[in-house]
Amino acid sequence: MVCTATDLSSGTSSGTSMLPTGLQVPAPVKSRFLIIGHGNDLAGDGAVGYQVVDMIASWHLPSIKTIATQQLSPNLIDDIVLADYVIFIDACAGQSCARTIQLDPIIVGTQLPRTLASNSTGDSPLALLNLTQQRYGRTPQAWLLQVPTESSDLHDGLSATTQRGYDRAVRTIEQFLKTYQRPAWMSAIAHMQSA
């Protein structure tokens, strides 16, 4: 196995990344953090994932890649494998959802958080992580950040509950980034030691 040290500020690598399965990491630039917001950007509260991602993207931090998408799909695994940490952001409705945001770890080989267990449409964050593990032999640490909603009707703006959830989600991600941020040279050492 050949490990590479990636300079996050320039996006250059000092070698070719080979994964145990013999596949190469598909892109030259590795982001430490990947933030994926998904949901319906036309459905008021359902757009909260998009809106949180838009706010994070406006910070223009070089170690963060953001993706806003209407639904999760297998083409996201090429971005997922390049990250050290992934946060999936989604709207959460119904009785199984808390009144405030929930940040739950997603662990490959376990069951979905109960609020997504009934999700029968499209892929789930766990399904994407499992697919990433199967294809590339690794997965980043991942979390699901769920924001409570009041309505999935087509309307502009967020409800009061979802606006409070949006504000807390942005602050939670900001704190998360401060907690997990470390200099690029420490990442290079960690990658070399894991070889």
N, C-alpha and C. Protein backbone atom coordinates (compact mmCIF):
# COMPACT_ATOMS: atom_id res chain seq x y z
N MET A 1 0.84 -1.18 0.00
CA MET A 1 0.00 0.00 0.00
C MET A 1 0.89 1.24 0.00
N VAL A 2 0.62 2.17 -0.90
CA VAL A 2 1.34 3.42 -0.98
C VAL A 2 0.46 4.51 -0.40
N CYS A 3 0.97 5.26 0.55
CA CYS A 3 0.20 6.34 1.15
C CYS A 3 0.67 7.66 0.58
N THR A 4 -0.22 8.63 0.53
CA THR A 4 0.15 9.94 0.04
C THR A 4 -0.13 10.98 1.10
N ALA A 5 0.65 12.04 1.05
CA ALA A 5 0.38 13.21 1.89
C ALA A 5 -0.22 14.26 0.98
N THR A 6 -1.40 14.72 1.27
CA THR A 6 -2.08 15.70 0.44
C THR A 6 -1.99 17.06 1.10
N ASP A 7 -1.53 18.04 0.32
CA ASP A 7 -1.50 19.42 0.79
C ASP A 7 -2.86 20.01 0.49
N LEU A 8 -3.66 20.24 1.53
CA LEU A 8 -5.03 20.68 1.35
C LEU A 8 -5.11 22.08 0.75
N SER A 9 -4.09 22.89 0.96
CA SER A 9 -4.18 24.24 0.43
C SER A 9 -3.91 24.29 -1.07
N SER A 10 -3.07 23.37 -1.60
CA SER A 10 -2.78 23.40 -3.03
C SER A 10 -3.42 22.25 -3.77
N GLY A 11 -3.85 21.20 -3.04
CA GLY A 11 -4.48 20.07 -3.69
C GLY A 11 -3.50 19.13 -4.37
N THR A 12 -2.21 19.21 -4.01
CA THR A 12 -1.23 18.35 -4.64
C THR A 12 -0.93 17.15 -3.77
N SER A 13 -0.52 16.05 -4.42
CA SER A 13 -0.19 14.83 -3.71
C SER A 13 1.25 14.48 -3.95
N SER A 14 1.81 13.73 -3.01
CA SER A 14 3.20 13.31 -3.14
C SER A 14 3.30 11.87 -3.61
N GLY A 15 2.27 11.32 -4.23
CA GLY A 15 2.32 9.95 -4.71
C GLY A 15 0.97 9.52 -5.21
N THR A 16 0.85 8.22 -5.48
CA THR A 16 -0.40 7.68 -5.96
C THR A 16 -1.04 6.87 -4.86
N SER A 17 -2.28 7.15 -4.53
CA SER A 17 -2.97 6.41 -3.47
C SER A 17 -3.45 5.08 -4.02
N MET A 18 -3.01 4.01 -3.42
CA MET A 18 -3.50 2.69 -3.78
C MET A 18 -4.24 2.15 -2.57
N LEU A 19 -5.43 1.66 -2.80
CA LEU A 19 -6.23 1.10 -1.75
C LEU A 19 -6.10 -0.41 -1.78
N PRO A 20 -6.42 -1.10 -0.69
CA PRO A 20 -6.23 -2.55 -0.62
C PRO A 20 -6.87 -3.31 -1.77
N THR A 21 -7.96 -2.82 -2.32
CA THR A 21 -8.64 -3.53 -3.40
C THR A 21 -7.95 -3.31 -4.74
N GLY A 22 -6.92 -2.48 -4.79
CA GLY A 22 -6.23 -2.19 -6.03
C GLY A 22 -6.83 -1.03 -6.79
N LEU A 23 -7.88 -0.43 -6.26
CA LEU A 23 -8.50 0.72 -6.90
C LEU A 23 -7.79 1.99 -6.46
N GLN A 24 -7.78 2.97 -7.33
CA GLN A 24 -7.18 4.25 -6.97
C GLN A 24 -8.26 5.21 -6.51
N VAL A 25 -7.90 6.08 -5.57
CA VAL A 25 -8.81 7.14 -5.16
C VAL A 25 -9.02 8.00 -6.39
N PRO A 26 -10.28 8.29 -6.75
CA PRO A 26 -10.60 8.86 -8.05
C PRO A 26 -10.24 10.32 -8.30
N ALA A 27 -9.94 11.09 -7.29
CA ALA A 27 -9.66 12.51 -7.52
C ALA A 27 -8.37 12.91 -6.81
N PRO A 28 -7.66 13.91 -7.34
CA PRO A 28 -6.38 14.29 -6.76
C PRO A 28 -6.48 15.11 -5.49
N VAL A 29 -7.61 15.74 -5.23
CA VAL A 29 -7.72 16.61 -4.07
C VAL A 29 -8.54 15.92 -2.99
N LYS A 30 -7.98 15.83 -1.81
CA LYS A 30 -8.68 15.21 -0.69
C LYS A 30 -9.17 16.31 0.25
N SER A 31 -10.44 16.25 0.58
CA SER A 31 -11.01 17.18 1.55
C SER A 31 -11.10 16.47 2.88
N ARG A 32 -10.68 17.12 3.94
CA ARG A 32 -10.80 16.51 5.27
C ARG A 32 -12.27 16.35 5.64
N PHE A 33 -13.09 17.33 5.26
CA PHE A 33 -14.49 17.33 5.64
C PHE A 33 -15.37 17.38 4.39
N LEU A 34 -16.39 16.54 4.39
CA LEU A 34 -17.38 16.56 3.32
C LEU A 34 -18.74 16.76 4.00
N ILE A 35 -19.45 17.80 3.59
CA ILE A 35 -20.76 18.10 4.14
C ILE A 35 -21.77 17.92 3.01
N ILE A 36 -22.70 16.98 3.17
CA ILE A 36 -23.70 16.68 2.13
C ILE A 36 -25.08 17.03 2.68
N GLY A 37 -25.71 18.00 2.05
CA GLY A 37 -27.08 18.35 2.41
C GLY A 37 -28.02 17.80 1.36
N HIS A 38 -29.03 17.06 1.80
CA HIS A 38 -29.95 16.50 0.82
C HIS A 38 -31.39 16.74 1.24
N GLY A 39 -32.25 16.75 0.23
CA GLY A 39 -33.66 17.01 0.46
C GLY A 39 -34.24 17.80 -0.70
N ASN A 40 -35.47 18.21 -0.55
CA ASN A 40 -36.18 18.93 -1.60
C ASN A 40 -35.97 20.43 -1.43
N ASP A 41 -35.22 21.01 -2.34
CA ASP A 41 -34.92 22.44 -2.23
C ASP A 41 -36.11 23.34 -2.56
N LEU A 42 -37.23 22.76 -2.99
CA LEU A 42 -38.43 23.54 -3.29
C LEU A 42 -39.50 23.43 -2.22
N ALA A 43 -39.25 22.58 -1.22
CA ALA A 43 -40.31 22.26 -0.25
C ALA A 43 -40.10 22.92 1.10
N GLY A 44 -39.87 24.21 1.14
CA GLY A 44 -39.78 24.93 2.40
C GLY A 44 -38.83 24.27 3.38
N ASP A 45 -39.37 23.64 4.43
CA ASP A 45 -38.54 23.00 5.45
C ASP A 45 -37.66 21.90 4.88
N GLY A 46 -38.10 21.26 3.81
CA GLY A 46 -37.30 20.20 3.18
C GLY A 46 -36.02 20.71 2.56
N ALA A 47 -35.89 22.02 2.43
CA ALA A 47 -34.70 22.63 1.86
C ALA A 47 -33.62 22.93 2.90
N VAL A 48 -33.85 22.56 4.15
CA VAL A 48 -32.91 22.94 5.21
C VAL A 48 -31.51 22.35 4.97
N GLY A 49 -31.41 21.15 4.45
CA GLY A 49 -30.09 20.57 4.16
C GLY A 49 -29.33 21.41 3.15
N TYR A 50 -30.03 21.84 2.10
CA TYR A 50 -29.44 22.74 1.11
C TYR A 50 -28.96 24.03 1.76
N GLN A 51 -29.81 24.61 2.58
CA GLN A 51 -29.49 25.91 3.15
C GLN A 51 -28.30 25.84 4.11
N VAL A 52 -28.22 24.77 4.90
CA VAL A 52 -27.06 24.61 5.79
C VAL A 52 -25.80 24.47 4.95
N VAL A 53 -25.84 23.66 3.90
CA VAL A 53 -24.68 23.47 3.03
C VAL A 53 -24.28 24.79 2.37
N ASP A 54 -25.26 25.56 1.92
CA ASP A 54 -24.94 26.87 1.32
C ASP A 54 -24.21 27.77 2.30
N MET A 55 -24.64 27.77 3.57
CA MET A 55 -23.96 28.59 4.57
C MET A 55 -22.52 28.12 4.78
N ILE A 56 -22.34 26.81 4.92
CA ILE A 56 -20.99 26.26 5.13
C ILE A 56 -20.11 26.58 3.93
N ALA A 57 -20.64 26.45 2.72
CA ALA A 57 -19.88 26.75 1.50
C ALA A 57 -19.45 28.22 1.46
N SER A 58 -20.28 29.11 2.01
CA SER A 58 -19.96 30.54 1.98
C SER A 58 -18.74 30.88 2.85
N TRP A 59 -18.32 29.96 3.71
CA TRP A 59 -17.14 30.19 4.54
C TRP A 59 -15.84 30.04 3.74
N HIS A 60 -15.90 29.38 2.59
CA HIS A 60 -14.75 29.20 1.69
C HIS A 60 -13.54 28.60 2.40
N LEU A 61 -13.77 27.58 3.19
CA LEU A 61 -12.67 26.91 3.89
C LEU A 61 -12.10 25.82 2.98
N PRO A 62 -10.77 25.82 2.78
CA PRO A 62 -10.17 24.89 1.81
C PRO A 62 -10.27 23.41 2.20
N SER A 63 -10.45 23.11 3.45
CA SER A 63 -10.49 21.71 3.86
C SER A 63 -11.90 21.13 3.87
N ILE A 64 -12.87 21.91 3.35
CA ILE A 64 -14.27 21.46 3.35
C ILE A 64 -14.81 21.44 1.94
N LYS A 65 -15.42 20.33 1.59
CA LYS A 65 -16.18 20.24 0.34
C LYS A 65 -17.64 20.10 0.72
N THR A 66 -18.50 20.84 0.04
CA THR A 66 -19.93 20.77 0.30
C THR A 66 -20.65 20.29 -0.96
N ILE A 67 -21.70 19.51 -0.74
CA ILE A 67 -22.53 19.03 -1.84
C ILE A 67 -23.99 19.17 -1.41
N ALA A 68 -24.80 19.79 -2.26
CA ALA A 68 -26.25 19.87 -2.06
C ALA A 68 -26.89 19.02 -3.15
N THR A 69 -27.76 18.10 -2.75
CA THR A 69 -28.37 17.20 -3.71
C THR A 69 -29.80 16.87 -3.27
N GLN A 70 -30.66 16.61 -4.26
CA GLN A 70 -32.04 16.27 -3.92
C GLN A 70 -32.15 14.88 -3.32
N GLN A 71 -31.29 13.96 -3.76
CA GLN A 71 -31.30 12.64 -3.17
C GLN A 71 -29.91 12.06 -3.19
N LEU A 72 -29.66 11.16 -2.27
CA LEU A 72 -28.38 10.49 -2.20
C LEU A 72 -28.30 9.45 -3.30
N SER A 73 -27.13 9.34 -3.93
CA SER A 73 -26.97 8.37 -5.00
C SER A 73 -25.55 7.81 -4.96
N PRO A 74 -25.35 6.64 -5.55
CA PRO A 74 -24.03 6.00 -5.52
C PRO A 74 -22.89 6.82 -6.12
N ASN A 75 -23.19 7.79 -6.98
CA ASN A 75 -22.10 8.59 -7.55
C ASN A 75 -21.41 9.45 -6.49
N LEU A 76 -21.97 9.56 -5.29
CA LEU A 76 -21.34 10.33 -4.22
C LEU A 76 -20.17 9.60 -3.56
N ILE A 77 -20.05 8.29 -3.78
CA ILE A 77 -18.99 7.55 -3.07
C ILE A 77 -17.60 7.99 -3.47
N ASP A 78 -17.43 8.52 -4.69
CA ASP A 78 -16.11 9.00 -5.10
C ASP A 78 -15.69 10.22 -4.30
N ASP A 79 -16.64 11.00 -3.84
CA ASP A 79 -16.34 12.13 -2.94
C ASP A 79 -16.20 11.66 -1.51
N ILE A 80 -17.03 10.71 -1.11
CA ILE A 80 -17.01 10.21 0.27
C ILE A 80 -15.67 9.58 0.61
N VAL A 81 -15.11 8.78 -0.29
CA VAL A 81 -13.86 8.09 0.00
C VAL A 81 -12.69 9.05 0.19
N LEU A 82 -12.79 10.25 -0.35
CA LEU A 82 -11.71 11.23 -0.25
C LEU A 82 -11.71 12.01 1.06
N ALA A 83 -12.75 11.87 1.85
CA ALA A 83 -12.89 12.66 3.07
C ALA A 83 -12.43 11.87 4.29
N ASP A 84 -12.02 12.59 5.31
CA ASP A 84 -11.75 12.00 6.62
C ASP A 84 -13.03 11.96 7.45
N TYR A 85 -13.89 12.98 7.27
CA TYR A 85 -15.13 13.10 8.03
C TYR A 85 -16.24 13.51 7.07
N VAL A 86 -17.41 12.90 7.24
CA VAL A 86 -18.58 13.26 6.43
C VAL A 86 -19.76 13.53 7.35
N ILE A 87 -20.47 14.61 7.06
CA ILE A 87 -21.72 14.90 7.75
C ILE A 87 -22.81 14.97 6.70
N PHE A 88 -23.82 14.13 6.87
CA PHE A 88 -25.02 14.16 6.02
C PHE A 88 -26.05 15.01 6.77
N ILE A 89 -26.67 15.96 6.07
CA ILE A 89 -27.67 16.82 6.69
C ILE A 89 -29.00 16.59 5.99
N ASP A 90 -30.03 16.34 6.78
CA ASP A 90 -31.34 16.06 6.21
C ASP A 90 -32.43 16.62 7.12
N ALA A 91 -33.56 16.92 6.52
CA ALA A 91 -34.75 17.32 7.27
C ALA A 91 -35.34 16.06 7.91
N CYS A 92 -35.95 16.24 9.06
CA CYS A 92 -36.54 15.12 9.78
C CYS A 92 -37.95 15.52 10.21
N ALA A 93 -38.91 14.68 9.85
CA ALA A 93 -40.30 14.98 10.19
C ALA A 93 -40.95 13.78 10.85
N GLY A 94 -42.02 14.03 11.55
CA GLY A 94 -42.79 12.95 12.13
C GLY A 94 -42.49 12.73 13.60
N GLN A 95 -43.15 11.75 14.16
CA GLN A 95 -43.04 11.48 15.59
C GLN A 95 -41.69 10.92 15.99
N SER A 96 -40.99 10.28 15.07
CA SER A 96 -39.70 9.68 15.42
C SER A 96 -38.58 10.71 15.48
N CYS A 97 -38.91 11.95 15.13
CA CYS A 97 -37.90 13.01 15.10
C CYS A 97 -37.92 13.82 16.39
N ALA A 98 -36.75 14.19 16.85
CA ALA A 98 -36.65 15.01 18.06
C ALA A 98 -37.10 16.44 17.75
N ARG A 99 -37.30 17.21 18.80
CA ARG A 99 -37.70 18.61 18.63
C ARG A 99 -36.52 19.52 18.36
N THR A 100 -35.33 18.98 18.49
CA THR A 100 -34.12 19.74 18.20
C THR A 100 -33.25 18.90 17.27
N ILE A 101 -32.17 19.45 16.82
CA ILE A 101 -31.32 18.70 15.89
C ILE A 101 -30.76 17.45 16.58
N GLN A 102 -30.47 16.46 15.76
CA GLN A 102 -29.84 15.24 16.24
C GLN A 102 -28.58 15.01 15.41
N LEU A 103 -27.48 14.72 16.06
CA LEU A 103 -26.24 14.37 15.39
C LEU A 103 -25.88 12.96 15.83
N ASP A 104 -26.09 12.00 14.93
CA ASP A 104 -25.87 10.60 15.26
C ASP A 104 -24.72 10.05 14.43
N PRO A 105 -23.81 9.30 15.05
CA PRO A 105 -22.74 8.66 14.27
C PRO A 105 -23.34 7.58 13.38
N ILE A 106 -22.74 7.39 12.23
CA ILE A 106 -23.13 6.31 11.32
C ILE A 106 -21.95 5.37 11.25
N ILE A 107 -22.17 4.13 11.61
CA ILE A 107 -21.09 3.16 11.67
C ILE A 107 -21.39 2.03 10.69
N VAL A 108 -20.47 1.80 9.77
CA VAL A 108 -20.64 0.75 8.78
C VAL A 108 -20.80 -0.58 9.49
N GLY A 109 -21.75 -1.37 9.03
CA GLY A 109 -22.00 -2.67 9.64
C GLY A 109 -23.05 -2.63 10.74
N THR A 110 -23.65 -1.46 10.98
CA THR A 110 -24.69 -1.35 12.00
C THR A 110 -26.00 -0.99 11.33
N GLN A 111 -27.04 -0.90 12.11
CA GLN A 111 -28.33 -0.51 11.59
C GLN A 111 -28.42 1.01 11.48
N LEU A 112 -29.37 1.44 10.67
CA LEU A 112 -29.62 2.86 10.51
C LEU A 112 -30.15 3.47 11.80
N PRO A 113 -29.89 4.76 12.03
CA PRO A 113 -30.58 5.43 13.13
C PRO A 113 -32.08 5.24 12.93
N ARG A 114 -32.85 5.11 14.01
CA ARG A 114 -34.26 4.73 13.88
C ARG A 114 -35.07 5.71 13.05
N THR A 115 -34.65 6.95 12.95
CA THR A 115 -35.42 7.91 12.16
C THR A 115 -35.26 7.67 10.67
N LEU A 116 -34.25 6.91 10.26
CA LEU A 116 -34.09 6.59 8.84
C LEU A 116 -34.43 5.15 8.54
N ALA A 117 -34.74 4.37 9.55
CA ALA A 117 -34.99 2.95 9.35
C ALA A 117 -36.16 2.70 8.40
N SER A 118 -37.11 3.60 8.35
CA SER A 118 -38.26 3.41 7.47
C SER A 118 -38.07 4.06 6.11
N ASN A 119 -36.90 4.59 5.83
CA ASN A 119 -36.62 5.24 4.55
C ASN A 119 -36.56 4.19 3.45
N SER A 120 -37.57 4.15 2.61
CA SER A 120 -37.59 3.16 1.54
C SER A 120 -37.33 3.79 0.18
N THR A 121 -37.14 5.10 0.13
CA THR A 121 -36.90 5.76 -1.14
C THR A 121 -35.45 6.16 -1.25
N GLY A 122 -34.80 5.70 -2.30
CA GLY A 122 -33.43 6.10 -2.55
C GLY A 122 -32.45 5.50 -1.58
N ASP A 123 -31.22 5.95 -1.69
CA ASP A 123 -30.15 5.46 -0.84
C ASP A 123 -30.11 6.22 0.47
N SER A 124 -29.52 5.59 1.46
CA SER A 124 -29.36 6.21 2.77
C SER A 124 -27.87 6.51 2.97
N PRO A 125 -27.54 7.35 3.94
CA PRO A 125 -26.13 7.57 4.25
C PRO A 125 -25.40 6.26 4.55
N LEU A 126 -26.02 5.36 5.31
CA LEU A 126 -25.38 4.09 5.63
C LEU A 126 -25.15 3.25 4.39
N ALA A 127 -26.11 3.23 3.47
CA ALA A 127 -25.93 2.47 2.23
C ALA A 127 -24.75 3.02 1.43
N LEU A 128 -24.60 4.33 1.38
CA LEU A 128 -23.47 4.92 0.66
C LEU A 128 -22.14 4.59 1.34
N LEU A 129 -22.12 4.60 2.66
CA LEU A 129 -20.90 4.26 3.38
C LEU A 129 -20.54 2.78 3.17
N ASN A 130 -21.54 1.92 3.19
CA ASN A 130 -21.29 0.50 2.94
C ASN A 130 -20.75 0.29 1.53
N LEU A 131 -21.31 0.98 0.55
CA LEU A 131 -20.84 0.89 -0.82
C LEU A 131 -19.42 1.42 -0.95
N THR A 132 -19.12 2.50 -0.26
CA THR A 132 -17.75 3.05 -0.26
C THR A 132 -16.77 2.02 0.31
N GLN A 133 -17.15 1.38 1.40
CA GLN A 133 -16.31 0.34 2.02
C GLN A 133 -16.09 -0.82 1.06
N GLN A 134 -17.15 -1.26 0.40
CA GLN A 134 -17.05 -2.38 -0.52
C GLN A 134 -16.16 -2.05 -1.71
N ARG A 135 -16.30 -0.86 -2.25
CA ARG A 135 -15.55 -0.50 -3.46
C ARG A 135 -14.12 -0.10 -3.17
N TYR A 136 -13.89 0.67 -2.11
CA TYR A 136 -12.57 1.24 -1.87
C TYR A 136 -11.84 0.66 -0.65
N GLY A 137 -12.53 -0.12 0.15
CA GLY A 137 -11.87 -0.71 1.31
C GLY A 137 -11.69 0.22 2.48
N ARG A 138 -12.34 1.36 2.47
CA ARG A 138 -12.27 2.30 3.58
C ARG A 138 -13.50 3.20 3.58
N THR A 139 -13.81 3.73 4.75
CA THR A 139 -14.86 4.75 4.87
C THR A 139 -14.39 5.80 5.87
N PRO A 140 -14.83 7.03 5.67
CA PRO A 140 -14.50 8.06 6.65
C PRO A 140 -15.43 7.92 7.86
N GLN A 141 -15.09 8.62 8.93
CA GLN A 141 -16.03 8.74 10.04
C GLN A 141 -17.21 9.55 9.52
N ALA A 142 -18.42 9.17 9.92
CA ALA A 142 -19.59 9.85 9.37
C ALA A 142 -20.66 10.05 10.43
N TRP A 143 -21.44 11.10 10.22
CA TRP A 143 -22.53 11.45 11.12
C TRP A 143 -23.74 11.86 10.29
N LEU A 144 -24.90 11.67 10.85
CA LEU A 144 -26.14 12.15 10.26
C LEU A 144 -26.67 13.27 11.16
N LEU A 145 -26.81 14.45 10.58
CA LEU A 145 -27.35 15.61 11.29
C LEU A 145 -28.77 15.83 10.78
N GLN A 146 -29.74 15.59 11.66
CA GLN A 146 -31.14 15.73 11.29
C GLN A 146 -31.72 16.99 11.91
N VAL A 147 -32.43 17.74 11.08
CA VAL A 147 -33.03 19.00 11.51
C VAL A 147 -34.55 18.83 11.52
N PRO A 148 -35.21 19.11 12.65
CA PRO A 148 -36.66 18.92 12.72
C PRO A 148 -37.41 19.91 11.81
N THR A 149 -38.51 19.41 11.26
CA THR A 149 -39.32 20.24 10.37
C THR A 149 -40.78 20.21 10.82
N GLU A 150 -41.52 21.19 10.34
CA GLU A 150 -42.96 21.26 10.61
C GLU A 150 -43.78 20.87 9.40
N SER A 151 -43.27 21.18 8.20
CA SER A 151 -44.07 20.99 7.00
C SER A 151 -43.20 20.64 5.81
N SER A 152 -43.69 19.75 4.97
CA SER A 152 -42.99 19.43 3.73
C SER A 152 -43.75 19.99 2.53
N ASP A 153 -44.70 20.89 2.80
CA ASP A 153 -45.47 21.53 1.72
C ASP A 153 -44.56 22.44 0.91
N LEU A 154 -44.95 22.65 -0.32
CA LEU A 154 -44.20 23.58 -1.17
C LEU A 154 -44.48 25.00 -0.70
N HIS A 155 -43.46 25.64 -0.16
CA HIS A 155 -43.58 27.03 0.26
C HIS A 155 -42.17 27.61 0.39
N ASP A 156 -42.10 28.92 0.40
CA ASP A 156 -40.82 29.59 0.56
C ASP A 156 -40.50 29.73 2.04
N GLY A 157 -39.21 29.71 2.34
CA GLY A 157 -38.77 29.94 3.70
C GLY A 157 -38.92 28.73 4.60
N LEU A 158 -38.35 28.87 5.78
CA LEU A 158 -38.37 27.81 6.77
C LEU A 158 -39.38 28.15 7.87
N SER A 159 -39.99 27.13 8.43
CA SER A 159 -40.86 27.34 9.59
C SER A 159 -39.99 27.77 10.78
N ALA A 160 -40.63 28.24 11.84
CA ALA A 160 -39.89 28.68 13.03
C ALA A 160 -39.07 27.54 13.62
N THR A 161 -39.65 26.35 13.70
CA THR A 161 -38.94 25.18 14.25
C THR A 161 -37.72 24.86 13.41
N THR A 162 -37.89 24.85 12.10
CA THR A 162 -36.78 24.50 11.22
C THR A 162 -35.73 25.60 11.19
N GLN A 163 -36.14 26.86 11.28
CA GLN A 163 -35.16 27.95 11.34
C GLN A 163 -34.28 27.82 12.58
N ARG A 164 -34.88 27.50 13.73
CA ARG A 164 -34.08 27.27 14.95
C ARG A 164 -33.14 26.08 14.74
N GLY A 165 -33.65 25.03 14.09
CA GLY A 165 -32.82 23.87 13.80
C GLY A 165 -31.68 24.20 12.85
N TYR A 166 -31.97 25.03 11.87
CA TYR A 166 -30.93 25.50 10.93
C TYR A 166 -29.82 26.22 11.70
N ASP A 167 -30.22 27.16 12.55
CA ASP A 167 -29.24 27.92 13.33
C ASP A 167 -28.37 27.01 14.19
N ARG A 168 -29.01 26.05 14.86
CA ARG A 168 -28.27 25.11 15.70
C ARG A 168 -27.38 24.20 14.87
N ALA A 169 -27.85 23.79 13.69
CA ALA A 169 -27.06 22.92 12.81
C ALA A 169 -25.79 23.63 12.37
N VAL A 170 -25.90 24.88 11.98
CA VAL A 170 -24.72 25.66 11.55
C VAL A 170 -23.74 25.79 12.72
N ARG A 171 -24.24 26.10 13.91
CA ARG A 171 -23.35 26.22 15.08
C ARG A 171 -22.73 24.87 15.43
N THR A 172 -23.49 23.79 15.30
CA THR A 172 -22.96 22.46 15.59
C THR A 172 -21.84 22.10 14.62
N ILE A 173 -22.03 22.39 13.35
CA ILE A 173 -20.98 22.09 12.36
C ILE A 173 -19.76 22.96 12.61
N GLU A 174 -19.97 24.21 12.95
CA GLU A 174 -18.85 25.09 13.27
C GLU A 174 -18.04 24.53 14.44
N GLN A 175 -18.72 24.08 15.49
CA GLN A 175 -18.03 23.49 16.63
C GLN A 175 -17.35 22.18 16.25
N PHE A 176 -18.02 21.38 15.43
CA PHE A 176 -17.46 20.13 14.94
C PHE A 176 -16.14 20.39 14.21
N LEU A 177 -16.13 21.39 13.33
CA LEU A 177 -14.92 21.71 12.57
C LEU A 177 -13.79 22.16 13.49
N LYS A 178 -14.11 22.93 14.50
CA LYS A 178 -13.08 23.37 15.45
C LYS A 178 -12.52 22.18 16.22
N THR A 179 -13.38 21.24 16.57
CA THR A 179 -12.96 20.06 17.34
C THR A 179 -12.09 19.13 16.51
N TYR A 180 -12.47 18.91 15.26
CA TYR A 180 -11.78 17.91 14.43
C TYR A 180 -10.72 18.50 13.52
N GLN A 181 -10.57 19.81 13.49
CA GLN A 181 -9.56 20.43 12.65
C GLN A 181 -8.17 20.16 13.19
N ARG A 182 -7.25 19.83 12.33
CA ARG A 182 -5.85 19.69 12.71
C ARG A 182 -5.00 20.07 11.52
N PRO A 183 -3.76 20.46 11.75
CA PRO A 183 -2.91 20.88 10.65
C PRO A 183 -2.68 19.76 9.64
N ALA A 184 -2.45 20.13 8.37
CA ALA A 184 -2.25 19.16 7.30
C ALA A 184 -1.07 18.23 7.58
N TRP A 185 -0.01 18.74 8.24
CA TRP A 185 1.15 17.90 8.49
C TRP A 185 0.81 16.76 9.45
N MET A 186 -0.15 17.00 10.38
CA MET A 186 -0.56 15.92 11.27
C MET A 186 -1.32 14.84 10.51
N SER A 187 -2.11 15.24 9.52
CA SER A 187 -2.82 14.28 8.69
C SER A 187 -1.83 13.41 7.92
N ALA A 188 -0.78 14.04 7.38
CA ALA A 188 0.22 13.29 6.62
C ALA A 188 0.90 12.25 7.51
N ILE A 189 1.23 12.62 8.73
CA ILE A 189 1.86 11.68 9.67
C ILE A 189 0.90 10.53 9.99
N ALA A 190 -0.36 10.85 10.22
CA ALA A 190 -1.34 9.81 10.53
C ALA A 190 -1.48 8.83 9.37
N HIS A 191 -1.48 9.34 8.13
CA HIS A 191 -1.59 8.46 6.97
C HIS A 191 -0.36 7.59 6.81
N MET A 192 0.81 8.14 7.06
CA MET A 192 2.04 7.35 6.95
C MET A 192 2.08 6.25 8.01
N GLN A 193 1.63 6.55 9.21
CA GLN A 193 1.64 5.58 10.30
C GLN A 193 0.65 4.45 10.07
N SER A 194 -0.42 4.72 9.32
CA SER A 194 -1.42 3.69 9.08
C SER A 194 -1.02 2.76 7.93
N ALA A 195 0.06 3.05 7.26
CA ALA A 195 0.51 2.22 6.12
C ALA A 195 1.05 0.88 6.57
